[in-house]
Amino acid sequence: MKQAPVHWFGSQLGKAESKLPAIITVILIAIAAFLSYKFIPVKVRNMNLKQDLQKVVNIDYAREYKTYARGGFNEYTLREEVLKTAKKLKIPIKDPDKQVNVQWPEQKLFTVEINYTEEITLPVYGIYPWSFHVYVEQEPHSGKAISD
């Protein structure tokens, strides 16, 4: 009686194999894709906010000097620019007085701090609050903005 050769990676004799690992893999990929769809745009908005705030805080003093000399260039005008930037990016700022802090200590270097929460609606879990803290300040030596 002749025996069939032994195969190390499973039988080739026509037996059906389980489809369960493939189904579980497809389900996990679908869940990862859905979570990416929900979370990645929120993180991209946060990164864009940091970049745009750095551009706002990188003030060209030579260009703004005339406005500064007339008393119109200060932390309040910078705050308005920060709020415009946040609105353009659709950042949920409900209470600007508490969430946005722009300072110009001793009229030397600007600091901008924004605290906000994005609410992400997920099935089964409900609403997931994702809190962000953005801090941008001017570097003392060059005057260019840096973020945390």
N, C-alpha and C. Protein backbone atom coordinates (compact mmCIF):
# COMPACT_ATOMS: atom_id res chain seq x y z
N MET A 1 0.85 -1.16 0.00
CA MET A 1 0.00 0.00 0.00
C MET A 1 0.90 1.23 0.00
N LYS A 2 0.59 2.11 -0.90
CA LYS A 2 1.40 3.30 -1.10
C LYS A 2 0.78 4.46 -0.32
N GLN A 3 1.62 5.19 0.46
CA GLN A 3 1.12 6.32 1.24
C GLN A 3 1.36 7.62 0.48
N ALA A 4 0.46 8.59 0.73
CA ALA A 4 0.59 9.90 0.11
C ALA A 4 1.77 10.62 0.76
N PRO A 5 2.51 11.42 -0.01
CA PRO A 5 3.64 12.14 0.59
C PRO A 5 3.15 13.15 1.64
N VAL A 6 3.96 13.37 2.65
CA VAL A 6 3.63 14.29 3.74
C VAL A 6 3.98 15.71 3.29
N HIS A 7 3.03 16.61 3.41
CA HIS A 7 3.24 18.03 3.08
C HIS A 7 3.32 18.81 4.38
N TRP A 8 4.30 19.66 4.47
CA TRP A 8 4.51 20.41 5.70
C TRP A 8 3.52 21.55 5.87
N PHE A 9 2.97 22.11 4.82
CA PHE A 9 2.11 23.28 4.91
C PHE A 9 0.64 22.95 4.76
N GLY A 10 0.24 21.80 5.05
CA GLY A 10 -1.17 21.42 4.99
C GLY A 10 -1.41 20.35 3.96
N SER A 11 -2.55 19.83 4.03
CA SER A 11 -2.91 18.72 3.16
C SER A 11 -3.33 19.23 1.79
N GLN A 12 -2.96 18.52 0.77
CA GLN A 12 -3.35 18.85 -0.59
C GLN A 12 -4.35 17.83 -1.11
N LEU A 13 -5.00 17.13 -0.23
CA LEU A 13 -5.90 16.06 -0.63
C LEU A 13 -7.32 16.53 -0.88
N GLY A 14 -7.55 17.87 -0.94
CA GLY A 14 -8.87 18.38 -1.26
C GLY A 14 -9.74 18.70 -0.06
N LYS A 15 -9.19 18.68 1.12
CA LYS A 15 -9.99 19.02 2.30
C LYS A 15 -10.22 20.52 2.35
N ALA A 16 -11.39 20.92 2.76
CA ALA A 16 -11.73 22.35 2.85
C ALA A 16 -11.03 22.97 4.06
N GLU A 17 -10.50 24.18 3.85
CA GLU A 17 -9.87 24.90 4.95
C GLU A 17 -10.82 25.96 5.46
N SER A 18 -10.62 26.38 6.68
CA SER A 18 -11.49 27.37 7.30
C SER A 18 -11.31 28.75 6.66
N LYS A 19 -12.42 29.46 6.47
CA LYS A 19 -12.39 30.82 5.94
C LYS A 19 -12.39 31.86 7.06
N LEU A 20 -12.45 31.41 8.30
CA LEU A 20 -12.54 32.31 9.44
C LEU A 20 -11.36 33.29 9.54
N PRO A 21 -10.11 32.88 9.38
CA PRO A 21 -9.02 33.87 9.45
C PRO A 21 -9.13 34.97 8.39
N ALA A 22 -9.56 34.63 7.21
CA ALA A 22 -9.72 35.64 6.15
C ALA A 22 -10.85 36.60 6.49
N ILE A 23 -11.93 36.09 7.03
CA ILE A 23 -13.08 36.94 7.39
C ILE A 23 -12.68 37.89 8.52
N ILE A 24 -11.97 37.37 9.51
CA ILE A 24 -11.54 38.22 10.63
C ILE A 24 -10.58 39.30 10.13
N THR A 25 -9.69 38.95 9.22
CA THR A 25 -8.76 39.93 8.66
C THR A 25 -9.49 41.03 7.92
N VAL A 26 -10.48 40.67 7.13
CA VAL A 26 -11.27 41.67 6.38
C VAL A 26 -12.02 42.58 7.35
N ILE A 27 -12.57 42.02 8.41
CA ILE A 27 -13.30 42.82 9.40
C ILE A 27 -12.35 43.80 10.10
N LEU A 28 -11.16 43.33 10.48
CA LEU A 28 -10.19 44.22 11.14
C LEU A 28 -9.72 45.33 10.21
N ILE A 29 -9.53 45.01 8.94
CA ILE A 29 -9.13 46.04 7.98
C ILE A 29 -10.25 47.08 7.81
N ALA A 30 -11.50 46.62 7.79
CA ALA A 30 -12.64 47.54 7.67
C ALA A 30 -12.73 48.46 8.89
N ILE A 31 -12.51 47.91 10.08
CA ILE A 31 -12.56 48.72 11.31
C ILE A 31 -11.42 49.75 11.30
N ALA A 32 -10.22 49.33 10.90
CA ALA A 32 -9.09 50.25 10.84
C ALA A 32 -9.34 51.36 9.82
N ALA A 33 -9.93 51.01 8.68
CA ALA A 33 -10.24 52.02 7.66
C ALA A 33 -11.28 53.01 8.17
N PHE A 34 -12.30 52.53 8.87
CA PHE A 34 -13.34 53.41 9.40
C PHE A 34 -12.77 54.37 10.45
N LEU A 35 -11.95 53.84 11.37
CA LEU A 35 -11.35 54.69 12.39
C LEU A 35 -10.40 55.71 11.77
N SER A 36 -9.68 55.31 10.74
CA SER A 36 -8.82 56.26 10.03
C SER A 36 -9.65 57.37 9.39
N TYR A 37 -10.78 56.99 8.82
CA TYR A 37 -11.70 57.96 8.20
C TYR A 37 -12.19 58.99 9.23
N LYS A 38 -12.39 58.55 10.46
CA LYS A 38 -12.89 59.45 11.51
C LYS A 38 -11.78 60.29 12.16
N PHE A 39 -10.62 59.70 12.41
CA PHE A 39 -9.60 60.36 13.21
C PHE A 39 -8.57 61.15 12.40
N ILE A 40 -8.20 60.68 11.23
CA ILE A 40 -7.14 61.34 10.47
C ILE A 40 -7.49 62.78 10.08
N PRO A 41 -8.70 63.07 9.60
CA PRO A 41 -9.01 64.48 9.27
C PRO A 41 -8.90 65.42 10.48
N VAL A 42 -9.25 64.94 11.66
CA VAL A 42 -9.15 65.76 12.86
C VAL A 42 -7.69 66.07 13.17
N LYS A 43 -6.84 65.08 13.07
CA LYS A 43 -5.41 65.28 13.33
C LYS A 43 -4.77 66.18 12.27
N VAL A 44 -5.20 66.04 11.02
CA VAL A 44 -4.67 66.89 9.95
C VAL A 44 -5.07 68.35 10.19
N ARG A 45 -6.32 68.59 10.64
CA ARG A 45 -6.74 69.95 10.96
C ARG A 45 -5.89 70.54 12.07
N ASN A 46 -5.57 69.72 13.07
CA ASN A 46 -4.73 70.18 14.17
C ASN A 46 -3.33 70.54 13.68
N MET A 47 -2.76 69.72 12.82
CA MET A 47 -1.43 70.02 12.29
C MET A 47 -1.46 71.27 11.42
N ASN A 48 -2.52 71.44 10.61
CA ASN A 48 -2.65 72.64 9.80
C ASN A 48 -2.80 73.89 10.67
N LEU A 49 -3.51 73.75 11.79
CA LEU A 49 -3.65 74.89 12.71
C LEU A 49 -2.28 75.30 13.26
N LYS A 50 -1.47 74.33 13.66
CA LYS A 50 -0.13 74.65 14.17
C LYS A 50 0.69 75.38 13.11
N GLN A 51 0.67 74.87 11.88
CA GLN A 51 1.45 75.49 10.81
C GLN A 51 0.95 76.90 10.51
N ASP A 52 -0.37 77.07 10.43
CA ASP A 52 -0.92 78.40 10.13
C ASP A 52 -0.66 79.38 11.26
N LEU A 53 -0.72 78.91 12.51
CA LEU A 53 -0.42 79.80 13.63
C LEU A 53 1.05 80.21 13.62
N GLN A 54 1.93 79.32 13.21
CA GLN A 54 3.33 79.70 13.09
C GLN A 54 3.51 80.79 12.04
N LYS A 55 2.76 80.70 10.95
CA LYS A 55 2.83 81.74 9.93
C LYS A 55 2.28 83.07 10.45
N VAL A 56 1.21 83.00 11.24
CA VAL A 56 0.62 84.22 11.80
C VAL A 56 1.57 84.86 12.80
N VAL A 57 2.22 84.06 13.62
CA VAL A 57 3.10 84.59 14.66
C VAL A 57 4.44 85.05 14.07
N ASN A 58 4.83 84.52 12.93
CA ASN A 58 6.05 84.99 12.26
C ASN A 58 5.77 86.34 11.62
N ILE A 59 5.85 87.36 12.42
CA ILE A 59 5.46 88.70 11.98
C ILE A 59 6.63 89.37 11.30
N ASP A 60 6.34 89.98 10.19
CA ASP A 60 7.35 90.76 9.48
C ASP A 60 7.32 92.17 10.10
N TYR A 61 8.23 92.41 11.04
CA TYR A 61 8.20 93.67 11.77
C TYR A 61 8.46 94.87 10.87
N ALA A 62 9.24 94.70 9.84
CA ALA A 62 9.50 95.83 8.94
C ALA A 62 8.21 96.25 8.24
N ARG A 63 7.40 95.30 7.86
CA ARG A 63 6.15 95.60 7.16
C ARG A 63 5.09 96.12 8.14
N GLU A 64 5.06 95.57 9.34
CA GLU A 64 4.04 95.94 10.32
C GLU A 64 4.43 97.15 11.17
N TYR A 65 5.61 97.70 10.95
CA TYR A 65 6.08 98.78 11.82
C TYR A 65 5.17 99.99 11.78
N LYS A 66 4.67 100.34 10.60
CA LYS A 66 3.79 101.52 10.50
C LYS A 66 2.51 101.30 11.29
N THR A 67 1.95 100.11 11.19
CA THR A 67 0.74 99.82 11.96
C THR A 67 1.05 99.83 13.45
N TYR A 68 2.20 99.29 13.83
CA TYR A 68 2.61 99.26 15.23
C TYR A 68 2.79 100.69 15.75
N ALA A 69 3.39 101.54 14.94
CA ALA A 69 3.63 102.92 15.35
C ALA A 69 2.31 103.66 15.59
N ARG A 70 1.27 103.30 14.86
CA ARG A 70 -0.03 103.94 15.07
C ARG A 70 -0.81 103.32 16.22
N GLY A 71 -0.25 102.28 16.85
CA GLY A 71 -0.91 101.66 18.00
C GLY A 71 -1.91 100.59 17.61
N GLY A 72 -1.94 100.18 16.35
CA GLY A 72 -2.91 99.18 15.92
C GLY A 72 -2.38 97.77 15.87
N PHE A 73 -1.13 97.58 16.19
CA PHE A 73 -0.52 96.26 16.13
C PHE A 73 -0.18 95.82 17.54
N ASN A 74 -0.96 94.89 18.07
CA ASN A 74 -0.75 94.42 19.43
C ASN A 74 -1.33 93.02 19.59
N GLU A 75 -1.43 92.55 20.84
CA GLU A 75 -1.94 91.19 21.06
C GLU A 75 -3.41 91.04 20.67
N TYR A 76 -4.16 92.14 20.67
CA TYR A 76 -5.57 92.06 20.30
C TYR A 76 -5.75 91.86 18.80
N THR A 77 -4.93 92.54 18.00
CA THR A 77 -5.01 92.33 16.55
C THR A 77 -4.48 90.95 16.19
N LEU A 78 -3.46 90.47 16.89
CA LEU A 78 -2.96 89.12 16.64
C LEU A 78 -4.01 88.09 17.04
N ARG A 79 -4.72 88.35 18.12
CA ARG A 79 -5.79 87.44 18.56
C ARG A 79 -6.87 87.32 17.49
N GLU A 80 -7.22 88.43 16.86
CA GLU A 80 -8.22 88.39 15.79
C GLU A 80 -7.72 87.55 14.61
N GLU A 81 -6.44 87.66 14.29
CA GLU A 81 -5.86 86.84 13.22
C GLU A 81 -5.89 85.36 13.59
N VAL A 82 -5.61 85.06 14.85
CA VAL A 82 -5.64 83.67 15.32
C VAL A 82 -7.06 83.12 15.22
N LEU A 83 -8.04 83.90 15.62
CA LEU A 83 -9.43 83.44 15.55
C LEU A 83 -9.88 83.26 14.10
N LYS A 84 -9.43 84.13 13.19
CA LYS A 84 -9.76 83.97 11.76
C LYS A 84 -9.16 82.67 11.23
N THR A 85 -7.93 82.39 11.63
CA THR A 85 -7.26 81.16 11.19
C THR A 85 -8.00 79.93 11.70
N ALA A 86 -8.41 79.95 12.96
CA ALA A 86 -9.15 78.82 13.53
C ALA A 86 -10.51 78.64 12.84
N LYS A 87 -11.16 79.74 12.54
CA LYS A 87 -12.46 79.65 11.87
C LYS A 87 -12.30 79.11 10.45
N LYS A 88 -11.24 79.52 9.76
CA LYS A 88 -10.98 79.06 8.39
C LYS A 88 -10.78 77.54 8.38
N LEU A 89 -10.13 77.00 9.39
CA LEU A 89 -9.87 75.57 9.47
C LEU A 89 -10.99 74.79 10.15
N LYS A 90 -12.06 75.48 10.54
CA LYS A 90 -13.22 74.87 11.20
C LYS A 90 -12.85 74.19 12.52
N ILE A 91 -12.03 74.89 13.29
CA ILE A 91 -11.65 74.41 14.62
C ILE A 91 -12.78 74.80 15.58
N PRO A 92 -13.29 73.85 16.37
CA PRO A 92 -14.42 74.15 17.26
C PRO A 92 -14.01 74.95 18.49
N ILE A 93 -14.08 76.27 18.36
CA ILE A 93 -13.80 77.15 19.50
C ILE A 93 -15.13 77.77 19.91
N LYS A 94 -15.66 77.30 21.03
CA LYS A 94 -16.97 77.76 21.49
C LYS A 94 -16.86 78.98 22.39
N ASP A 95 -15.82 79.05 23.20
CA ASP A 95 -15.62 80.17 24.11
C ASP A 95 -14.22 80.74 23.91
N PRO A 96 -14.07 81.70 22.98
CA PRO A 96 -12.73 82.22 22.68
C PRO A 96 -12.02 82.85 23.87
N ASP A 97 -12.79 83.42 24.81
CA ASP A 97 -12.15 84.05 25.96
C ASP A 97 -11.40 83.04 26.84
N LYS A 98 -11.91 81.82 26.92
CA LYS A 98 -11.27 80.79 27.74
C LYS A 98 -10.33 79.89 26.95
N GLN A 99 -10.63 79.68 25.67
CA GLN A 99 -9.87 78.71 24.89
C GLN A 99 -8.67 79.31 24.16
N VAL A 100 -8.69 80.59 23.87
CA VAL A 100 -7.62 81.23 23.12
C VAL A 100 -6.93 82.24 24.01
N ASN A 101 -5.61 82.08 24.15
CA ASN A 101 -4.84 82.98 24.98
C ASN A 101 -3.67 83.51 24.16
N VAL A 102 -3.70 84.81 23.87
CA VAL A 102 -2.61 85.46 23.14
C VAL A 102 -1.98 86.47 24.08
N GLN A 103 -0.66 86.37 24.24
CA GLN A 103 0.04 87.28 25.13
C GLN A 103 1.21 87.93 24.42
N TRP A 104 1.52 89.10 24.89
CA TRP A 104 2.64 89.88 24.37
C TRP A 104 3.36 90.45 25.58
N PRO A 105 4.04 89.59 26.36
CA PRO A 105 4.63 90.06 27.61
C PRO A 105 5.72 91.10 27.37
N GLU A 106 5.58 92.19 28.01
CA GLU A 106 6.53 93.31 27.93
C GLU A 106 6.77 93.74 26.49
N GLN A 107 5.79 93.52 25.65
CA GLN A 107 5.82 93.91 24.24
C GLN A 107 7.09 93.45 23.53
N LYS A 108 7.46 92.19 23.78
CA LYS A 108 8.66 91.65 23.14
C LYS A 108 8.32 90.51 22.19
N LEU A 109 7.82 89.40 22.71
CA LEU A 109 7.56 88.21 21.91
C LEU A 109 6.14 87.71 22.15
N PHE A 110 5.48 87.30 21.08
CA PHE A 110 4.11 86.82 21.17
C PHE A 110 4.09 85.34 21.56
N THR A 111 3.06 84.97 22.34
CA THR A 111 2.76 83.57 22.61
C THR A 111 1.27 83.36 22.33
N VAL A 112 0.96 82.24 21.72
CA VAL A 112 -0.43 81.89 21.41
C VAL A 112 -0.69 80.50 21.96
N GLU A 113 -1.77 80.36 22.72
CA GLU A 113 -2.15 79.08 23.29
C GLU A 113 -3.64 78.84 23.01
N ILE A 114 -3.93 77.69 22.44
CA ILE A 114 -5.32 77.33 22.13
C ILE A 114 -5.59 75.94 22.71
N ASN A 115 -6.66 75.82 23.45
CA ASN A 115 -7.13 74.54 23.97
C ASN A 115 -8.53 74.30 23.41
N TYR A 116 -8.70 73.18 22.74
CA TYR A 116 -10.02 72.87 22.19
C TYR A 116 -10.23 71.36 22.18
N THR A 117 -11.49 70.96 22.02
CA THR A 117 -11.86 69.56 22.00
C THR A 117 -12.68 69.27 20.75
N GLU A 118 -12.26 68.28 20.00
CA GLU A 118 -13.02 67.80 18.85
C GLU A 118 -13.84 66.60 19.32
N GLU A 119 -15.11 66.58 18.97
CA GLU A 119 -15.97 65.46 19.33
C GLU A 119 -16.15 64.57 18.10
N ILE A 120 -15.76 63.31 18.24
CA ILE A 120 -15.84 62.35 17.15
C ILE A 120 -16.93 61.34 17.49
N THR A 121 -17.91 61.21 16.62
CA THR A 121 -19.02 60.29 16.85
C THR A 121 -18.66 58.92 16.30
N LEU A 122 -18.68 57.93 17.19
CA LEU A 122 -18.35 56.56 16.81
C LEU A 122 -19.54 55.65 17.11
N PRO A 123 -19.79 54.66 16.25
CA PRO A 123 -20.86 53.72 16.56
C PRO A 123 -20.44 52.86 17.76
N VAL A 124 -21.38 52.44 18.52
CA VAL A 124 -21.22 51.62 19.71
C VAL A 124 -20.61 52.42 20.86
N TYR A 125 -19.50 53.12 20.63
CA TYR A 125 -18.82 53.87 21.69
C TYR A 125 -19.54 55.17 22.02
N GLY A 126 -20.07 55.85 21.01
CA GLY A 126 -20.74 57.13 21.22
C GLY A 126 -19.83 58.27 20.82
N ILE A 127 -19.83 59.33 21.61
CA ILE A 127 -19.02 60.51 21.29
C ILE A 127 -17.68 60.40 22.01
N TYR A 128 -16.62 60.51 21.22
CA TYR A 128 -15.27 60.47 21.78
C TYR A 128 -14.70 61.88 21.77
N PRO A 129 -14.44 62.47 22.95
CA PRO A 129 -13.85 63.82 22.99
C PRO A 129 -12.32 63.74 22.88
N TRP A 130 -11.77 64.39 21.85
CA TRP A 130 -10.33 64.40 21.64
C TRP A 130 -9.83 65.81 21.90
N SER A 131 -9.09 65.99 22.99
CA SER A 131 -8.63 67.32 23.41
C SER A 131 -7.27 67.63 22.80
N PHE A 132 -7.12 68.89 22.37
CA PHE A 132 -5.87 69.35 21.77
C PHE A 132 -5.37 70.59 22.51
N HIS A 133 -4.07 70.71 22.58
CA HIS A 133 -3.41 71.88 23.18
C HIS A 133 -2.38 72.34 22.16
N VAL A 134 -2.54 73.56 21.67
CA VAL A 134 -1.61 74.13 20.69
C VAL A 134 -0.93 75.33 21.34
N TYR A 135 0.39 75.32 21.33
CA TYR A 135 1.16 76.42 21.90
C TYR A 135 2.21 76.85 20.89
N VAL A 136 2.18 78.11 20.54
CA VAL A 136 3.15 78.67 19.58
C VAL A 136 3.74 79.93 20.22
N GLU A 137 5.06 80.04 20.13
CA GLU A 137 5.71 81.24 20.66
C GLU A 137 6.83 81.65 19.71
N GLN A 138 7.22 82.89 19.84
CA GLN A 138 8.35 83.37 19.06
C GLN A 138 9.63 83.00 19.77
N GLU A 139 10.61 82.60 18.99
CA GLU A 139 11.91 82.30 19.55
C GLU A 139 12.60 83.62 19.91
N PRO A 140 13.23 83.71 21.08
CA PRO A 140 13.81 84.99 21.52
C PRO A 140 14.90 85.54 20.61
N HIS A 141 15.68 84.67 19.98
CA HIS A 141 16.82 85.16 19.21
C HIS A 141 16.46 85.56 17.78
N SER A 142 15.64 84.74 17.12
CA SER A 142 15.34 85.03 15.71
C SER A 142 13.98 85.68 15.51
N GLY A 143 13.07 85.54 16.46
CA GLY A 143 11.73 86.09 16.31
C GLY A 143 10.81 85.17 15.51
N LYS A 144 11.32 84.03 15.05
CA LYS A 144 10.50 83.07 14.31
C LYS A 144 9.68 82.23 15.28
N ALA A 145 8.53 81.80 14.82
CA ALA A 145 7.64 81.03 15.68
C ALA A 145 8.07 79.58 15.77
N ILE A 146 7.91 79.02 16.97
CA ILE A 146 8.13 77.60 17.20
C ILE A 146 6.91 77.09 17.97
N SER A 147 6.62 75.79 17.81
CA SER A 147 5.49 75.22 18.54
C SER A 147 5.97 74.07 19.40
N ASP A 148 5.11 73.69 20.33
CA ASP A 148 5.49 72.59 21.23
C ASP A 148 5.42 71.26 20.58
